[in-house]
């Protein structure tokens, strides 16, 4: 997925705008940063569309049925949808005042809100991946007998006796399945 690039695009657009406002209308580079923020935001919106498609594919395969995980999914989707809408409003404001010599205050506010929102949505998305395993492919090794009806949890423990290598050392597993 492109989620880290999406976060970077929104945060960089906000950083460019803050620096542009600090520079003010009297510096040419302030206007250049304002325009650079516009291009980065356009890339961020395109990435947002791609990431929403991959996120929807993950959601369709999301097997977690605990209330906590479902609430996190709902929060993540809501926050990221709001961020996308803020990005569209931000782009519309930018294009309507593209001849400005630095970032207008209204655009700065919307850009900062979008950057805060994308970081918040990223936090909840990370919780889905790292706590609930959404979008994580768990592979089984040859000889593993996994009853589909039994609950399975992921563990990354290296101290498992069944993970010892022939030389006696521990083999670092990517994901070890436990019942």
Foldseek 3Di string as FASTA:
>chain_A
DCLVLLLVLLVQLLVLQVVLVVVPLVDQVQLVSNVVSLVSLVVSLVVLVVVVVVVVVLVVVDPDDDPVLVVLNVVLVVLSVVLSVLSVVLNVVCVVPVVGSHRDPVSSVSSVSSSVSSVVSVVSVVCCCPVVNGPPDDDDDPPDDDDPPDDKDWDQDQPDPVQADPVRHTDGDPTDIDD
